[in-house]
Protein backbone atom coordinates (compact mmCIF):
# COMPACT_ATOMS: atom_id res chain seq x y z
CA MET A 1 237.83 157.44 150.61
CA ASN A 2 237.64 156.36 154.40
CA PRO A 3 241.08 156.55 156.23
CA THR A 4 240.29 153.25 157.92
CA ILE A 5 240.80 151.54 154.39
CA HIS A 6 244.16 151.36 153.70
CA ILE A 7 245.04 149.64 149.70
CA GLU A 8 248.86 148.84 148.82
CA ALA A 9 250.58 145.82 147.29
CA GLY A 10 252.45 144.14 149.71
CA CYS A 11 251.05 145.57 153.12
CA LEU A 12 249.52 142.14 154.40
CA ASP A 13 253.40 141.85 156.09
CA ASN A 14 252.75 145.14 157.37
CA ALA A 15 249.01 144.62 158.52
CA GLY A 16 249.91 144.52 162.33
CA ALA A 17 251.58 148.02 162.41
CA ILE A 18 248.84 149.54 159.98
CA ALA A 19 245.64 147.72 161.82
CA ARG A 20 247.59 149.07 165.41
CA GLN A 21 246.58 152.92 164.34
CA PHE A 22 243.15 152.06 164.74
CA VAL A 23 242.72 149.01 167.37
CA GLY A 24 244.09 148.43 170.16
CA GLY A 25 244.29 145.60 172.84
CA ALA A 26 246.35 142.93 174.01
CA LEU A 27 245.24 139.97 172.40
CA ALA A 28 244.51 139.28 168.55
CA ALA A 29 242.09 136.61 167.32
CA ILE A 30 242.60 135.67 163.97
CA VAL A 31 239.49 133.77 162.00
CA SER A 32 240.35 132.17 158.47
CA ASP A 33 239.31 128.94 156.46
CA ASP A 34 241.52 126.06 156.45
CA THR A 35 242.87 126.85 152.53
CA VAL A 36 243.60 130.70 153.18
CA PHE A 37 244.95 130.28 156.35
CA SER A 38 247.55 127.92 155.00
CA ARG A 39 248.60 130.47 152.36
CA TYR A 40 248.48 133.52 154.50
CA GLY A 41 248.12 132.77 158.34
CA SER A 42 251.98 132.61 159.45
CA ARG A 43 252.43 135.84 157.40
CA LEU A 44 249.67 138.01 159.31
CA GLU A 45 250.67 135.95 162.64
CA ALA A 46 253.90 137.69 162.32
CA SER A 47 253.25 140.76 161.29
CA LEU A 48 250.43 140.96 164.50
CA LYS A 49 253.25 139.64 166.54
CA ALA A 50 255.56 142.31 165.86
CA ALA A 51 253.26 144.77 166.36
CA GLY A 52 252.90 143.43 169.85
CA TRP A 53 249.76 140.84 170.05
CA ASP A 54 249.38 137.81 171.89
CA VAL A 55 248.07 135.41 168.53
CA VAL A 56 245.67 132.91 168.48
CA ARG A 57 243.70 131.44 165.70
CA PHE A 58 240.47 130.21 165.01
CA VAL A 59 240.48 127.96 161.28
CA PHE A 60 237.32 126.39 159.85
CA PRO A 61 237.00 124.55 157.24
CA HIS A 62 236.34 126.36 153.90
CA GLY A 63 233.10 126.85 151.84
CA GLU A 64 229.70 128.87 151.95
CA ALA A 65 228.55 125.59 153.77
CA GLN A 66 230.36 126.92 157.36
CA LYS A 67 228.83 130.20 157.47
CA ASN A 68 225.84 128.95 159.74
CA LEU A 69 224.94 129.13 163.65
CA ALA A 70 226.80 125.61 164.34
CA THR A 71 230.17 127.30 163.17
CA TYR A 72 229.23 130.78 164.49
CA GLY A 73 228.47 129.29 168.05
CA GLU A 74 231.61 127.62 167.87
CA LEU A 75 233.25 130.83 166.92
CA LEU A 76 231.96 132.40 170.15
CA SER A 77 232.55 129.78 172.57
CA PHE A 78 236.46 129.61 171.48
CA LEU A 79 236.83 133.37 171.96
CA ALA A 80 234.79 133.00 175.51
CA GLU A 81 237.33 130.49 175.84
CA GLN A 82 240.62 132.74 174.77
CA HIS A 83 239.05 135.02 177.03
CA LEU A 84 238.93 138.06 174.75
CA THR A 85 237.95 141.51 175.70
CA ARG A 86 236.31 144.11 174.39
CA THR A 87 239.79 145.51 174.14
CA ASP A 88 240.79 142.91 171.75
CA VAL A 89 240.21 142.69 168.37
CA ILE A 90 239.18 140.13 165.98
CA PHE A 91 241.45 139.70 162.34
CA ALA A 92 238.98 138.16 159.40
CA LEU A 93 241.61 136.83 157.04
CA GLY A 94 239.64 135.36 153.77
CA GLY A 95 237.16 136.33 151.42
CA GLY A 96 233.50 137.31 152.20
CA VAL A 97 232.47 134.11 154.33
CA THR A 98 235.36 134.60 156.53
CA GLY A 99 234.28 138.18 157.03
CA ASP A 100 230.70 137.67 157.04
CA LEU A 101 231.37 134.71 159.94
CA ALA A 102 233.80 136.95 162.21
CA GLY A 103 232.51 140.27 161.82
CA PHE A 104 229.07 138.91 163.28
CA ALA A 105 231.08 137.28 165.88
CA ALA A 106 232.47 140.96 166.48
CA ALA A 107 229.39 142.33 166.40
CA THR A 108 227.96 139.77 169.01
CA TYR A 109 230.59 138.16 171.60
CA LEU A 110 230.37 140.87 174.68
CA ARG A 111 228.38 143.14 172.28
CA GLY A 112 231.24 144.43 170.49
CA VAL A 113 234.56 143.67 170.16
CA GLY A 114 237.66 145.24 167.29
CA LEU A 115 237.33 144.26 164.13
CA VAL A 116 240.11 144.17 161.19
CA GLN A 117 239.20 142.86 157.95
CA ILE A 118 241.85 141.45 155.66
CA PRO A 119 240.68 140.10 152.83
CA THR A 120 242.17 137.82 150.35
CA SER A 121 239.28 137.34 147.22
CA LEU A 122 238.75 140.21 144.32
CA LEU A 123 234.63 139.78 145.64
CA ALA A 124 235.71 140.29 149.39
CA CYS A 125 238.28 143.70 148.43
CA VAL A 126 235.90 144.89 146.28
CA ASP A 127 232.79 144.37 148.10
CA SER A 128 232.20 142.14 151.23
CA SER A 129 235.02 143.54 153.73
CA VAL A 130 233.64 147.27 153.29
CA GLY A 131 230.28 148.40 154.81
CA GLY A 132 229.71 146.39 157.77
CA LYS A 133 227.51 143.96 156.87
CA THR A 134 227.81 140.70 158.65
CA ALA A 135 225.44 137.72 158.54
CA VAL A 136 225.55 134.03 158.51
CA ASP A 137 223.14 131.69 156.86
CA LEU A 138 220.25 129.83 157.51
CA PRO A 139 218.25 126.94 155.82
CA GLN A 140 215.70 129.17 155.05
CA GLY A 141 217.94 131.87 153.19
CA LYS A 142 221.14 133.75 152.85
CA ASN A 143 222.01 136.29 155.33
CA LEU A 144 219.46 135.96 157.90
CA ALA A 145 220.79 136.39 160.68
CA GLY A 146 223.30 139.04 161.02
CA ALA A 147 224.33 142.82 162.15
CA PHE A 148 225.44 146.14 160.89
CA TYR A 149 228.72 146.60 162.32
CA PRO A 150 231.51 148.45 160.46
CA PRO A 151 235.28 147.28 160.65
CA HIS A 152 237.42 149.57 162.80
CA CYS A 153 240.03 148.96 159.87
CA VAL A 154 240.34 147.02 156.44
CA VAL A 155 243.64 146.09 155.40
CA ILE A 156 243.43 145.41 151.32
CA ASP A 157 246.90 143.91 149.41
CA PRO A 158 245.49 143.26 145.96
CA ALA A 159 248.48 141.34 145.51
CA LEU A 160 246.76 138.59 147.61
CA THR A 161 244.12 137.92 144.27
CA HIS A 162 247.03 136.71 142.17
CA SER A 163 247.44 133.24 143.63
CA LEU A 164 243.32 132.74 143.08
CA PRO A 165 242.16 130.30 141.39
CA GLU A 166 240.66 131.49 138.08
CA GLU A 167 236.87 130.62 138.42
CA THR A 168 237.30 132.30 142.09
CA PHE A 169 238.90 135.42 140.69
CA ARG A 170 235.60 135.61 137.99
CA ASP A 171 233.39 135.10 141.15
CA GLY A 172 234.63 138.56 142.26
CA MET A 173 234.24 140.26 138.60
CA ALA A 174 230.48 139.90 139.25
CA GLU A 175 230.83 142.48 141.87
CA VAL A 176 232.80 144.85 139.96
CA ILE A 177 231.05 144.93 136.90
CA LYS A 178 228.26 145.56 139.10
CA TYR A 179 229.64 148.43 140.40
CA ALA A 180 230.13 149.41 136.58
CA ALA A 181 226.79 149.02 135.84
CA THR A 182 224.88 150.48 138.61
CA LEU A 183 227.09 153.57 139.69
CA ASP A 184 230.22 154.19 137.28
CA GLY A 185 229.83 153.47 133.68
CA SER A 186 233.66 154.68 132.95
CA LEU A 187 234.64 151.88 134.95
CA TYR A 188 234.03 149.26 132.62
CA GLU A 189 236.77 150.80 130.23
CA ALA A 190 239.08 149.75 133.78
CA ILE A 191 237.85 146.29 133.54
CA ASP A 192 238.42 145.77 129.72
CA HIS A 193 242.50 146.60 130.81
CA LEU A 194 242.93 144.12 133.51
CA PRO A 195 244.97 142.56 134.92
CA GLN A 196 246.59 146.06 134.24
CA THR A 197 244.88 148.14 136.05
CA LEU A 198 243.27 145.91 138.95
CA GLU A 199 244.74 148.21 142.14
CA GLU A 200 242.54 151.04 140.12
CA VAL A 201 239.86 148.73 139.67
CA ILE A 202 239.73 147.71 143.33
CA SER A 203 240.05 151.36 144.76
CA ARG A 204 237.53 152.72 142.75
CA CYS A 205 234.71 149.99 143.63
CA VAL A 206 235.87 150.69 147.57
CA ALA A 207 235.72 154.21 146.94
CA LEU A 208 231.74 153.58 145.12
CA LYS A 209 231.36 151.87 147.98
CA ASP A 210 232.28 153.54 150.90
CA GLN A 211 230.50 156.72 149.80
CA VAL A 212 227.30 154.88 149.42
CA VAL A 213 227.51 153.20 152.80
CA ALA A 214 228.71 156.41 154.21
CA GLU A 215 225.04 157.62 153.09
CA ASP A 216 223.03 154.79 153.86
CA LEU A 217 224.67 152.75 156.57
CA ARG A 218 221.41 150.06 157.09
CA ASP A 219 220.54 149.88 154.07
CA ASN A 220 217.09 151.61 153.92
CA GLY A 221 217.68 153.38 150.85
CA LEU A 222 220.93 154.45 148.37
CA ARG A 223 222.66 151.64 149.57
CA GLN A 224 220.07 148.92 148.44
CA LEU A 225 221.54 150.11 144.43
CA LEU A 226 224.69 148.05 145.37
CA ASN A 227 221.85 144.91 145.78
CA PHE A 228 221.54 144.48 141.75
CA GLY A 229 221.27 141.15 140.37
CA HIS A 230 221.67 139.55 144.50
CA THR A 231 217.53 139.74 144.65
CA PHE A 232 217.10 137.12 142.12
CA GLY A 233 221.22 135.95 142.60
CA HIS A 234 220.71 134.68 146.09
CA ALA A 235 217.59 132.62 144.50
CA ILE A 236 219.75 130.88 142.45
CA GLU A 237 222.14 130.24 144.69
CA LYS A 238 219.78 128.88 147.15
CA GLN A 239 217.69 126.80 144.32
CA ALA A 240 221.43 125.27 143.60
CA ASP A 241 221.54 124.72 147.36
CA TYR A 242 225.00 126.60 147.84
CA THR A 243 226.96 124.76 144.79
CA LEU A 244 227.51 127.63 142.43
CA GLY A 245 229.71 130.91 143.33
CA HIS A 246 227.92 133.81 144.69
CA GLY A 247 229.27 135.97 141.68
CA ALA A 248 228.14 133.99 139.61
CA CYS A 249 224.38 133.87 140.66
CA VAL A 250 224.82 137.35 141.09
CA ALA A 251 225.87 137.52 137.21
CA MET A 252 222.79 135.32 136.28
CA GLY A 253 220.52 138.12 138.08
CA MET A 254 221.69 140.65 136.85
CA ALA A 255 221.59 139.30 133.09
CA ILE A 256 218.06 138.65 134.43
CA MET A 257 217.66 141.92 135.25
CA ALA A 258 219.15 143.57 132.43
CA ARG A 259 217.25 141.66 129.81
CA ALA A 260 214.11 142.53 131.68
CA CYS A 261 214.47 145.91 131.86
CA ALA A 262 215.29 146.35 127.71
CA ALA A 263 212.68 144.54 127.54
CA LYS A 264 210.20 147.03 129.48
CA GLY A 265 211.49 150.15 128.00
CA LEU A 266 213.36 150.69 131.03
CA CYS A 267 216.92 150.77 129.10
CA SER A 268 218.09 151.02 126.16
CA PRO A 269 219.56 147.38 124.51
CA ALA A 270 223.07 149.27 124.66
CA CYS A 271 222.88 149.59 128.04
CA ARG A 272 221.47 145.72 128.36
CA ASP A 273 224.29 144.81 125.80
CA ARG A 274 227.05 146.38 127.59
CA LEU A 275 226.54 144.77 130.63
CA LEU A 276 226.26 141.40 129.49
CA ARG A 277 229.45 141.83 127.08
CA THR A 278 231.18 142.66 129.98
CA LEU A 279 229.99 139.51 131.61
CA THR A 280 230.58 137.06 128.62
CA ALA A 281 233.99 138.19 128.42
CA TRP A 282 234.54 137.04 132.15
CA LYS A 283 233.58 133.78 131.22
CA LEU A 284 230.60 134.46 134.03
CA PRO A 285 226.79 132.46 133.29
CA THR A 286 224.00 134.85 131.81
CA LYS A 287 221.18 131.90 132.10
CA THR A 288 219.89 129.85 134.50
CA ALA A 289 217.94 126.67 133.68
CA PHE A 290 215.64 126.88 136.96
CA ALA A 291 212.29 127.72 136.44
CA PRO A 292 211.11 132.02 137.19
CA GLU A 293 208.27 130.29 139.50
CA THR A 294 210.74 128.19 141.15
CA LEU A 295 213.20 130.74 142.31
CA PHE A 296 210.34 133.09 142.76
CA LEU A 297 209.56 130.79 146.01
CA HIS A 298 212.80 132.19 147.11
CA LEU A 299 212.19 135.65 146.77
CA LEU A 300 208.97 135.27 149.75
CA SER A 301 212.59 134.82 152.10
CA ASP A 302 214.29 137.95 150.60
CA LYS A 303 215.44 140.46 153.56
CA LYS A 304 214.59 142.88 151.49
CA ARG A 305 211.13 142.02 151.11
CA ARG A 306 208.37 144.43 152.92
CA GLY A 307 204.94 142.88 153.08
CA GLN A 308 203.80 142.25 149.57
CA LYS A 309 206.36 144.37 148.13
CA LEU A 310 210.14 143.69 147.17
CA THR A 311 212.40 146.30 145.87
CA LEU A 312 214.05 145.95 142.66
CA VAL A 313 217.72 147.77 141.07
CA VAL A 314 216.11 148.99 138.25
CA LEU A 315 218.94 149.98 135.24
CA ARG A 316 218.35 153.14 133.58
CA GLU A 317 221.52 153.75 131.98
CA THR A 318 224.83 152.65 131.70
CA GLY A 319 226.66 153.11 135.30
CA ARG A 320 222.90 154.34 136.54
CA ALA A 321 220.29 152.61 138.31
CA GLU A 322 216.96 153.08 140.11
CA LEU A 323 215.50 151.44 143.36
CA THR A 324 211.78 150.84 142.29
CA PRO A 325 209.37 148.60 144.92
CA VAL A 326 206.82 146.29 142.45
CA LEU A 327 204.52 143.86 144.20
CA LEU A 328 205.63 140.51 143.88
CA GLU A 329 203.65 139.57 141.24
CA GLU A 330 205.80 142.26 139.68
CA ALA A 331 208.42 140.87 140.84
CA LEU A 332 207.60 137.15 139.37
CA ASP A 333 206.94 139.35 135.99
CA PHE A 334 210.63 140.85 135.64
CA LEU A 335 212.09 137.27 136.41
CA LYS A 336 209.66 135.52 133.39
CA THR A 337 210.50 138.41 131.29
CA GLY A 338 214.18 138.12 131.88
CA TRP A 339 214.29 134.45 132.06
CA GLU A 340 212.66 134.16 128.84
CA ALA A 341 214.55 136.94 126.37
């Protein structure tokens, strides 16, 4: 695993010393939402001060709706007001929204400053904090403005997920299940033995993503396997006006694709059923009431679209998936088939 990724229960209180091995500077800017900062902000701040940083904080209201150009602009202005320099560092403390927002600011402020990701949600631990995708949403769709900017260091404290609401933890499990379905079928067994295997599950997911990203940082090939469930999931998320959790939407997207792949003979019923059974066990949704034709309209704004083609992640067997470019009308057919099956 990449040596800049540190996974250890209880390591939040040592985050400053860990990060000092990879980033320098005199000023540390903590970026966090109000919910997370109230719970963990003082601990991180104490750790950073102990490691020699002066600390400032940018705290914004929680929720996906805040991951927009307005909040991004406010964050950039804050960094400028605090006279953050290129040698200084941003600490993203929170879930996927915080990591995406702070990461995009780090990538673009002064054309790049230090970035440390400290994920506090399961989803961020296993997915969004690792790999360097940063973005904000536009009214037209999710993550349409962003940059590839790998963090200089990722500090993952699995113990932080213990305080998550059950629904939020389940949301992260959708991304964990994605890795089992597409990259490592043996991960299903570790999932079946949670919570005892939590640190193992997080470590294995991070290692899988790190391996894929090392081969394809800019998402032009292999890395697109990590989009399993996301193409249709993002459409559901947009249609719901972001009132549904990201993981829940990805779960529905994965279920639609699994049913479509089995119906088309691309994967076995056993492959489909293993995925659906695990999603159901974690009380994640497998169906949506939104009509396929309605969801299809959102695919037209999908950032993976290339002209009249879209690359879908197709299940072939448990733990193995393939990238399949299809025409837009074929994508609609997959959507209809999986929705109706």
